[in-house]
Amino acid sequence: MINIKADKEVKENAQALAKDLGLPLSGIINALLKEFVRSRSVSFSAVPTMTRALESVLGKVENDIKKGKNMSPVFSSAEKANEYLDTL
């Protein structure tokens, strides 16, 4: 048995993802530890990935852009932009 301190949000997100995969979080951790022992290395990635929620939002934005929906007009000056915003 290993006891570790983990950020509550990280733990909850990891548990939810493991559940989505049909695995217990302990199984995921054991697999990671086995890989660490086998490879004798640890890799970290600095490549950011989007969350599903962000992908969903961006998908809606892309659809709006394609349809020309929810788009503001082009402004010739900051004053014109402020005038437009004041009307919203």
PDB file of N, CA and C in Angstrom:
ATOM      1  N   MET A   1       0.852  -1.172   0.000  1.00  0.00           N
ATOM      2  CA  MET A   1       0.000   0.000   0.000  1.00  0.00           C
ATOM      3  C   MET A   1       0.897   1.233   0.000  1.00  0.00           C
ATOM      4  N   ILE A   2       0.538   2.197  -0.845  1.00  0.00           N
ATOM      5  CA  ILE A   2       1.249   3.458  -0.926  1.00  0.00           C
ATOM      6  C   ILE A   2       0.245   4.562  -0.623  1.00  0.00           C
ATOM      7  N   ASN A   3       0.614   5.470   0.255  1.00  0.00           N
ATOM      8  CA  ASN A   3      -0.207   6.645   0.534  1.00  0.00           C
ATOM      9  C   ASN A   3       0.505   7.861  -0.041  1.00  0.00           C
ATOM     10  N   ILE A   4      -0.218   8.622  -0.842  1.00  0.00           N
ATOM     11  CA  ILE A   4       0.357   9.833  -1.419  1.00  0.00           C
ATOM     12  C   ILE A   4      -0.604  10.993  -1.213  1.00  0.00           C
ATOM     13  N   LYS A   5      -0.046  12.191  -1.216  1.00  0.00           N
ATOM     14  CA  LYS A   5      -0.883  13.384  -1.188  1.00  0.00           C
ATOM     15  C   LYS A   5      -1.069  13.822  -2.628  1.00  0.00           C
ATOM     16  N   ALA A   6      -2.304  14.038  -2.990  1.00  0.00           N
ATOM     17  CA  ALA A   6      -2.617  14.497  -4.340  1.00  0.00           C
ATOM     18  C   ALA A   6      -3.604  15.643  -4.235  1.00  0.00           C
ATOM     19  N   ASP A   7      -3.494  16.575  -5.135  1.00  0.00           N
ATOM     20  CA  ASP A   7      -4.436  17.666  -5.213  1.00  0.00           C
ATOM     21  C   ASP A   7      -5.840  17.070  -5.394  1.00  0.00           C
ATOM     22  N   LYS A   8      -6.801  17.569  -4.630  1.00  0.00           N
ATOM     23  CA  LYS A   8      -8.158  17.007  -4.662  1.00  0.00           C
ATOM     24  C   LYS A   8      -8.751  17.004  -6.074  1.00  0.00           C
ATOM     25  N   GLU A   9      -8.592  18.132  -6.789  1.00  0.00           N
ATOM     26  CA  GLU A   9      -9.162  18.222  -8.132  1.00  0.00           C
ATOM     27  C   GLU A   9      -8.483  17.238  -9.084  1.00  0.00           C
ATOM     28  N   VAL A  10      -7.164  17.093  -8.960  1.00  0.00           N
ATOM     29  CA  VAL A  10      -6.431  16.143  -9.806  1.00  0.00           C
ATOM     30  C   VAL A  10      -6.927  14.726  -9.534  1.00  0.00           C
ATOM     31  N   LYS A  11      -7.072  14.390  -8.263  1.00  0.00           N
ATOM     32  CA  LYS A  11      -7.542  13.049  -7.889  1.00  0.00           C
ATOM     33  C   LYS A  11      -8.939  12.793  -8.456  1.00  0.00           C
ATOM     34  N   GLU A  12      -9.837  13.756  -8.281  1.00  0.00           N
ATOM     35  CA  GLU A  12     -11.208  13.572  -8.765  1.00  0.00           C
ATOM     36  C   GLU A  12     -11.250  13.440 -10.286  1.00  0.00           C
ATOM     37  N   ASN A  13     -10.461  14.265 -10.987  1.00  0.00           N
ATOM     38  CA  ASN A  13     -10.413  14.172 -12.448  1.00  0.00           C
ATOM     39  C   ASN A  13      -9.830  12.839 -12.896  1.00  0.00           C
ATOM     40  N   ALA A  14      -8.790  12.382 -12.195  1.00  0.00           N
ATOM     41  CA  ALA A  14      -8.168  11.093 -12.530  1.00  0.00           C
ATOM     42  C   ALA A  14      -9.145   9.945 -12.276  1.00  0.00           C
ATOM     43  N   GLN A  15      -9.877  10.010 -11.172  1.00  0.00           N
ATOM     44  CA  GLN A  15     -10.865   8.967 -10.882  1.00  0.00           C
ATOM     45  C   GLN A  15     -11.957   8.934 -11.943  1.00  0.00           C
ATOM     46  N   ALA A  16     -12.419  10.120 -12.359  1.00  0.00           N
ATOM     47  CA  ALA A  16     -13.473  10.183 -13.369  1.00  0.00           C
ATOM     48  C   ALA A  16     -12.977   9.626 -14.701  1.00  0.00           C
ATOM     49  N   LEU A  17     -11.765   9.974 -15.093  1.00  0.00           N
ATOM     50  CA  LEU A  17     -11.213   9.476 -16.352  1.00  0.00           C
ATOM     51  C   LEU A  17     -11.013   7.964 -16.288  1.00  0.00           C
ATOM     52  N   ALA A  18     -10.485   7.480 -15.165  1.00  0.00           N
ATOM     53  CA  ALA A  18     -10.301   6.034 -15.011  1.00  0.00           C
ATOM     54  C   ALA A  18     -11.649   5.318 -15.111  1.00  0.00           C
ATOM     55  N   LYS A  19     -12.671   5.894 -14.484  1.00  0.00           N
ATOM     56  CA  LYS A  19     -14.008   5.299 -14.540  1.00  0.00           C
ATOM     57  C   LYS A  19     -14.519   5.267 -15.975  1.00  0.00           C
ATOM     58  N   ASP A  20     -14.290   6.367 -16.721  1.00  0.00           N
ATOM     59  CA  ASP A  20     -14.699   6.410 -18.135  1.00  0.00           C
ATOM     60  C   ASP A  20     -14.024   5.299 -18.934  1.00  0.00           C
ATOM     61  N   LEU A  21     -12.802   4.951 -18.535  1.00  0.00           N
ATOM     62  CA  LEU A  21     -12.059   3.887 -19.216  1.00  0.00           C
ATOM     63  C   LEU A  21     -12.420   2.502 -18.684  1.00  0.00           C
ATOM     64  N   GLY A  22     -13.253   2.470 -17.637  1.00  0.00           N
ATOM     65  CA  GLY A  22     -13.672   1.203 -17.053  1.00  0.00           C
ATOM     66  C   GLY A  22     -12.617   0.576 -16.152  1.00  0.00           C
ATOM     67  N   LEU A  23     -11.755   1.414 -15.597  1.00  0.00           N
ATOM     68  CA  LEU A  23     -10.677   0.919 -14.748  1.00  0.00           C
ATOM     69  C   LEU A  23     -10.688   1.634 -13.407  1.00  0.00           C
ATOM     70  N   PRO A  24     -10.231   0.937 -12.356  1.00  0.00           N
ATOM     71  CA  PRO A  24     -10.079   1.640 -11.078  1.00  0.00           C
ATOM     72  C   PRO A  24      -8.810   2.499 -11.137  1.00  0.00           C
ATOM     73  N   LEU A  25      -8.804   3.595 -10.397  1.00  0.00           N
ATOM     74  CA  LEU A  25      -7.628   4.465 -10.384  1.00  0.00           C
ATOM     75  C   LEU A  25      -6.398   3.708  -9.897  1.00  0.00           C
ATOM     76  N   SER A  26      -6.570   2.792  -8.966  1.00  0.00           N
ATOM     77  CA  SER A  26      -5.428   2.016  -8.484  1.00  0.00           C
ATOM     78  C   SER A  26      -4.798   1.197  -9.611  1.00  0.00           C
ATOM     79  N   GLY A  27      -5.595   0.712 -10.545  1.00  0.00           N
ATOM     80  CA  GLY A  27      -5.067  -0.023 -11.691  1.00  0.00           C
ATOM     81  C   GLY A  27      -4.226   0.869 -12.585  1.00  0.00           C
ATOM     82  N   ILE A  28      -4.681   2.104 -12.777  1.00  0.00           N
ATOM     83  CA  ILE A  28      -3.925   3.067 -13.578  1.00  0.00           C
ATOM     84  C   ILE A  28      -2.591   3.362 -12.914  1.00  0.00           C
ATOM     85  N   ILE A  29      -2.626   3.612 -11.614  1.00  0.00           N
ATOM     86  CA  ILE A  29      -1.391   3.934 -10.880  1.00  0.00           C
ATOM     87  C   ILE A  29      -0.435   2.747 -10.909  1.00  0.00           C
ATOM     88  N   ASN A  30      -0.951   1.532 -10.704  1.00  0.00           N
ATOM     89  CA  ASN A  30      -0.090   0.348 -10.769  1.00  0.00           C
ATOM     90  C   ASN A  30       0.550   0.192 -12.147  1.00  0.00           C
ATOM     91  N   ALA A  31      -0.207   0.443 -13.198  1.00  0.00           N
ATOM     92  CA  ALA A  31       0.341   0.350 -14.549  1.00  0.00           C
ATOM     93  C   ALA A  31       1.445   1.382 -14.759  1.00  0.00           C
ATOM     94  N   LEU A  32       1.227   2.589 -14.266  1.00  0.00           N
ATOM     95  CA  LEU A  32       2.255   3.627 -14.390  1.00  0.00           C
ATOM     96  C   LEU A  32       3.517   3.260 -13.610  1.00  0.00           C
ATOM     97  N   LEU A  33       3.350   2.712 -12.420  1.00  0.00           N
ATOM     98  CA  LEU A  33       4.514   2.295 -11.627  1.00  0.00           C
ATOM     99  C   LEU A  33       5.264   1.146 -12.299  1.00  0.00           C
ATOM    100  N   LYS A  34       4.534   0.191 -12.870  1.00  0.00           N
ATOM    101  CA  LYS A  34       5.178  -0.922 -13.578  1.00  0.00           C
ATOM    102  C   LYS A  34       5.969  -0.417 -14.779  1.00  0.00           C
ATOM    103  N   GLU A  35       5.397   0.529 -15.512  1.00  0.00           N
ATOM    104  CA  GLU A  35       6.097   1.107 -16.660  1.00  0.00           C
ATOM    105  C   GLU A  35       7.348   1.851 -16.206  1.00  0.00           C
ATOM    106  N   PHE A  36       7.257   2.547 -15.099  1.00  0.00           N
ATOM    107  CA  PHE A  36       8.411   3.260 -14.527  1.00  0.00           C
ATOM    108  C   PHE A  36       9.526   2.286 -14.179  1.00  0.00           C
ATOM    109  N   VAL A  37       9.167   1.171 -13.532  1.00  0.00           N
ATOM    110  CA  VAL A  37      10.167   0.157 -13.159  1.00  0.00           C
ATOM    111  C   VAL A  37      10.752  -0.496 -14.414  1.00  0.00           C
ATOM    112  N   ARG A  38       9.895  -0.831 -15.362  1.00  0.00           N
ATOM    113  CA  ARG A  38      10.359  -1.499 -16.575  1.00  0.00           C
ATOM    114  C   ARG A  38      11.291  -0.616 -17.400  1.00  0.00           C
ATOM    115  N   SER A  39      10.892   0.632 -17.604  1.00  0.00           N
ATOM    116  CA  SER A  39      11.668   1.514 -18.483  1.00  0.00           C
ATOM    117  C   SER A  39      12.761   2.281 -17.744  1.00  0.00           C
ATOM    118  N   ARG A  40      12.645   2.333 -16.428  1.00  0.00           N
ATOM    119  CA  ARG A  40      13.594   3.082 -15.599  1.00  0.00           C
ATOM    120  C   ARG A  40      13.670   4.541 -16.044  1.00  0.00           C
ATOM    121  N   SER A  41      12.541   5.063 -16.483  1.00  0.00           N
ATOM    122  CA  SER A  41      12.498   6.461 -16.911  1.00  0.00           C
ATOM    123  C   SER A  41      11.110   7.044 -16.647  1.00  0.00           C
ATOM    124  N   VAL A  42      11.103   8.358 -16.614  1.00  0.00           N
ATOM    125  CA  VAL A  42       9.858   9.106 -16.454  1.00  0.00           C
ATOM    126  C   VAL A  42       9.833  10.143 -17.562  1.00  0.00           C
ATOM    127  N   SER A  43       8.700  10.289 -18.218  1.00  0.00           N
ATOM    128  CA  SER A  43       8.613  11.328 -19.245  1.00  0.00           C
ATOM    129  C   SER A  43       7.488  12.290 -18.892  1.00  0.00           C
ATOM    130  N   PHE A  44       7.747  13.531 -19.166  1.00  0.00           N
ATOM    131  CA  PHE A  44       6.765  14.583 -18.953  1.00  0.00           C
ATOM    132  C   PHE A  44       6.561  15.297 -20.274  1.00  0.00           C
ATOM    133  N   SER A  45       5.355  15.711 -20.520  1.00  0.00           N
ATOM    134  CA  SER A  45       5.065  16.401 -21.762  1.00  0.00           C
ATOM    135  C   SER A  45       4.656  17.833 -21.463  1.00  0.00           C
ATOM    136  N   ALA A  46       5.243  18.747 -22.186  1.00  0.00           N
ATOM    137  CA  ALA A  46       4.877  20.154 -22.050  1.00  0.00           C
ATOM    138  C   ALA A  46       3.853  20.547 -23.106  1.00  0.00           C
ATOM    139  N   VAL A  47       3.431  19.576 -23.904  1.00  0.00           N
ATOM    140  CA  VAL A  47       2.457  19.852 -24.954  1.00  0.00           C
ATOM    141  C   VAL A  47       1.078  19.979 -24.314  1.00  0.00           C
ATOM    142  N   PRO A  48       0.484  21.153 -24.412  1.00  0.00           N
ATOM    143  CA  PRO A  48      -0.838  21.316 -23.808  1.00  0.00           C
ATOM    144  C   PRO A  48      -1.904  20.556 -24.603  1.00  0.00           C
ATOM    145  N   THR A  49      -2.858  20.021 -23.898  1.00  0.00           N
ATOM    146  CA  THR A  49      -3.972  19.354 -24.559  1.00  0.00           C
ATOM    147  C   THR A  49      -5.273  20.029 -24.130  1.00  0.00           C
ATOM    148  N   MET A  50      -6.223  20.011 -25.015  1.00  0.00           N
ATOM    149  CA  MET A  50      -7.505  20.619 -24.707  1.00  0.00           C
ATOM    150  C   MET A  50      -8.380  19.637 -23.934  1.00  0.00           C
ATOM    151  N   THR A  51      -9.159  20.185 -23.042  1.00  0.00           N
ATOM    152  CA  THR A  51     -10.143  19.374 -22.342  1.00  0.00           C
ATOM    153  C   THR A  51     -11.319  19.132 -23.270  1.00  0.00           C
ATOM    154  N   ARG A  52     -12.118  18.152 -22.935  1.00  0.00           N
ATOM    155  CA  ARG A  52     -13.317  17.875 -23.741  1.00  0.00           C
ATOM    156  C   ARG A  52     -14.253  19.073 -23.743  1.00  0.00           C
ATOM    157  N   ALA A  53     -14.342  19.737 -22.581  1.00  0.00           N
ATOM    158  CA  ALA A  53     -15.229  20.904 -22.484  1.00  0.00           C
ATOM    159  C   ALA A  53     -14.757  22.014 -23.421  1.00  0.00           C
ATOM    160  N   LEU A  54     -13.435  22.258 -23.451  1.00  0.00           N
ATOM    161  CA  LEU A  54     -12.907  23.289 -24.337  1.00  0.00           C
ATOM    162  C   LEU A  54     -13.105  22.907 -25.800  1.00  0.00           C
ATOM    163  N   GLU A  55     -12.888  21.639 -26.131  1.00  0.00           N
ATOM    164  CA  GLU A  55     -13.118  21.176 -27.500  1.00  0.00           C
ATOM    165  C   GLU A  55     -14.569  21.406 -27.908  1.00  0.00           C
ATOM    166  N   SER A  56     -15.485  21.163 -26.983  1.00  0.00           N
ATOM    167  CA  SER A  56     -16.911  21.359 -27.265  1.00  0.00           C
ATOM    168  C   SER A  56     -17.211  22.829 -27.541  1.00  0.00           C
ATOM    169  N   VAL A  57     -16.675  23.708 -26.694  1.00  0.00           N
ATOM    170  CA  VAL A  57     -16.900  25.144 -26.877  1.00  0.00           C
ATOM    171  C   VAL A  57     -16.326  25.606 -28.205  1.00  0.00           C
ATOM    172  N   LEU A  58     -15.102  25.181 -28.501  1.00  0.00           N
ATOM    173  CA  LEU A  58     -14.470  25.596 -29.756  1.00  0.00           C
ATOM    174  C   LEU A  58     -15.216  25.042 -30.968  1.00  0.00           C
ATOM    175  N   GLY A  59     -15.783  23.852 -30.830  1.00  0.00           N
ATOM    176  CA  GLY A  59     -16.579  23.293 -31.921  1.00  0.00           C
ATOM    177  C   GLY A  59     -17.793  24.156 -32.209  1.00  0.00           C
ATOM    178  N   LYS A  60     -18.438  24.642 -31.153  1.00  0.00           N
ATOM    179  CA  LYS A  60     -19.596  25.526 -31.328  1.00  0.00           C
ATOM    180  C   LYS A  60     -19.172  26.847 -31.967  1.00  0.00           C
ATOM    181  N   VAL A  61     -18.024  27.363 -31.554  1.00  0.00           N
ATOM    182  CA  VAL A  61     -17.522  28.614 -32.128  1.00  0.00           C
ATOM    183  C   VAL A  61     -17.229  28.424 -33.617  1.00  0.00           C
ATOM    184  N   GLU A  62     -16.590  27.318 -33.968  1.00  0.00           N
ATOM    185  CA  GLU A  62     -16.296  27.049 -35.375  1.00  0.00           C
ATOM    186  C   GLU A  62     -17.573  26.968 -36.201  1.00  0.00           C
ATOM    187  N   ASN A  63     -18.599  26.325 -35.654  1.00  0.00           N
ATOM    188  CA  ASN A  63     -19.885  26.247 -36.361  1.00  0.00           C
ATOM    189  C   ASN A  63     -20.492  27.631 -36.548  1.00  0.00           C
ATOM    190  N   ASP A  64     -20.419  28.465 -35.498  1.00  0.00           N
ATOM    191  CA  ASP A  64     -20.945  29.829 -35.602  1.00  0.00           C
ATOM    192  C   ASP A  64     -20.202  30.618 -36.678  1.00  0.00           C
ATOM    193  N   ILE A  65     -18.882  30.464 -36.729  1.00  0.00           N
ATOM    194  CA  ILE A  65     -18.084  31.185 -37.736  1.00  0.00           C
ATOM    195  C   ILE A  65     -18.493  30.752 -39.133  1.00  0.00           C
ATOM    196  N   LYS A  66     -18.661  29.436 -39.344  1.00  0.00           N
ATOM    197  CA  LYS A  66     -19.064  28.933 -40.659  1.00  0.00           C
ATOM    198  C   LYS A  66     -20.425  29.482 -41.081  1.00  0.00           C
ATOM    199  N   LYS A  67     -21.328  29.633 -40.109  1.00  0.00           N
ATOM    200  CA  LYS A  67     -22.680  30.104 -40.399  1.00  0.00           C
ATOM    201  C   LYS A  67     -22.789  31.631 -40.357  1.00  0.00           C
ATOM    202  N   GLY A  68     -21.696  32.299 -39.946  1.00  0.00           N
ATOM    203  CA  GLY A  68     -21.745  33.755 -39.812  1.00  0.00           C
ATOM    204  C   GLY A  68     -22.636  34.197 -38.667  1.00  0.00           C
ATOM    205  N   LYS A  69     -22.803  33.324 -37.709  1.00  0.00           N
ATOM    206  CA  LYS A  69     -23.703  33.558 -36.586  1.00  0.00           C
ATOM    207  C   LYS A  69     -22.901  34.054 -35.380  1.00  0.00           C
ATOM    208  N   ASN A  70     -23.498  34.945 -34.581  1.00  0.00           N
ATOM    209  CA  ASN A  70     -22.869  35.476 -33.367  1.00  0.00           C
ATOM    210  C   ASN A  70     -21.546  36.171 -33.651  1.00  0.00           C
ATOM    211  N   MET A  71     -21.486  36.839 -34.780  1.00  0.00           N
ATOM    212  CA  MET A  71     -20.262  37.537 -35.175  1.00  0.00           C
ATOM    213  C   MET A  71     -20.481  39.041 -35.057  1.00  0.00           C
ATOM    214  N   SER A  72     -19.488  39.742 -34.576  1.00  0.00           N
ATOM    215  CA  SER A  72     -19.589  41.199 -34.523  1.00  0.00           C
ATOM    216  C   SER A  72     -19.123  41.768 -35.857  1.00  0.00           C
ATOM    217  N   PRO A  73     -19.563  42.979 -36.163  1.00  0.00           N
ATOM    218  CA  PRO A  73     -19.099  43.602 -37.403  1.00  0.00           C
ATOM    219  C   PRO A  73     -17.642  44.046 -37.284  1.00  0.00           C
ATOM    220  N   VAL A  74     -17.063  44.452 -38.396  1.00  0.00           N
ATOM    221  CA  VAL A  74     -15.717  44.996 -38.416  1.00  0.00           C
ATOM    222  C   VAL A  74     -15.816  46.479 -38.076  1.00  0.00           C
ATOM    223  N   PHE A  75     -14.894  46.972 -37.260  1.00  0.00           N
ATOM    224  CA  PHE A  75     -14.939  48.370 -36.830  1.00  0.00           C
ATOM    225  C   PHE A  75     -13.755  49.140 -37.406  1.00  0.00           C
ATOM    226  N   SER A  76     -14.012  50.387 -37.757  1.00  0.00           N
ATOM    227  CA  SER A  76     -12.956  51.236 -38.312  1.00  0.00           C
ATOM    228  C   SER A  76     -12.176  51.958 -37.220  1.00  0.00           C
ATOM    229  N   SER A  77     -12.718  51.959 -36.006  1.00  0.00           N
ATOM    230  CA  SER A  77     -12.023  52.626 -34.898  1.00  0.00           C
ATOM    231  C   SER A  77     -12.489  52.033 -33.574  1.00  0.00           C
ATOM    232  N   ALA A  78     -11.746  52.344 -32.536  1.00  0.00           N
ATOM    233  CA  ALA A  78     -12.117  51.886 -31.194  1.00  0.00           C
ATOM    234  C   ALA A  78     -13.428  52.531 -30.757  1.00  0.00           C
ATOM    235  N   GLU A  79     -13.619  53.761 -31.169  1.00  0.00           N
ATOM    236  CA  GLU A  79     -14.854  54.461 -30.806  1.00  0.00           C
ATOM    237  C   GLU A  79     -16.071  53.744 -31.393  1.00  0.00           C
ATOM    238  N   LYS A  80     -15.957  53.320 -32.643  1.00  0.00           N
ATOM    239  CA  LYS A  80     -17.062  52.596 -33.288  1.00  0.00           C
ATOM    240  C   LYS A  80     -17.315  51.272 -32.563  1.00  0.00           C
ATOM    241  N   ALA A  81     -16.252  50.615 -32.136  1.00  0.00           N
ATOM    242  CA  ALA A  81     -16.403  49.362 -31.393  1.00  0.00           C
ATOM    243  C   ALA A  81     -17.105  49.625 -30.069  1.00  0.00           C
ATOM    244  N   ASN A  82     -16.729  50.680 -29.383  1.00  0.00           N
ATOM    245  CA  ASN A  82     -17.371  51.023 -28.100  1.00  0.00           C
ATOM    246  C   ASN A  82     -18.840  51.368 -28.310  1.00  0.00           C
ATOM    247  N   GLU A  83     -19.147  52.091 -29.376  1.00  0.00           N
ATOM    248  CA  GLU A  83     -20.547  52.417 -29.677  1.00  0.00           C
ATOM    249  C   GLU A  83     -21.351  51.136 -29.869  1.00  0.00           C
ATOM    250  N   TYR A  84     -20.783  50.188 -30.596  1.00  0.00           N
ATOM    251  CA  TYR A  84     -21.465  48.916 -30.822  1.00  0.00           C
ATOM    252  C   TYR A  84     -21.681  48.170 -29.505  1.00  0.00           C
ATOM    253  N   LEU A  85     -20.657  48.133 -28.686  1.00  0.00           N
ATOM    254  CA  LEU A  85     -20.762  47.422 -27.400  1.00  0.00           C
ATOM    255  C   LEU A  85     -21.799  48.079 -26.491  1.00  0.00           C
ATOM    256  N   ASP A  86     -21.917  49.382 -26.573  1.00  0.00           N
ATOM    257  CA  ASP A  86     -22.915  50.095 -25.756  1.00  0.00           C
ATOM    258  C   ASP A  86     -24.337  49.716 -26.148  1.00  0.00           C
ATOM    259  N   THR A  87     -24.518  49.251 -27.382  1.00  0.00           N
ATOM    260  CA  THR A  87     -25.867  48.870 -27.816  1.00  0.00           C
ATOM    261  C   THR A  87     -26.270  47.472 -27.377  1.00  0.00           C
ATOM    262  N   LEU A  88     -25.319  46.711 -26.916  1.00  0.00           N
ATOM    263  CA  LEU A  88     -25.624  45.316 -26.530  1.00  0.00           C
ATOM    264  C   LEU A  88     -26.276  45.235 -25.176  1.00  0.00           C
TER     265      LEU A  88
END
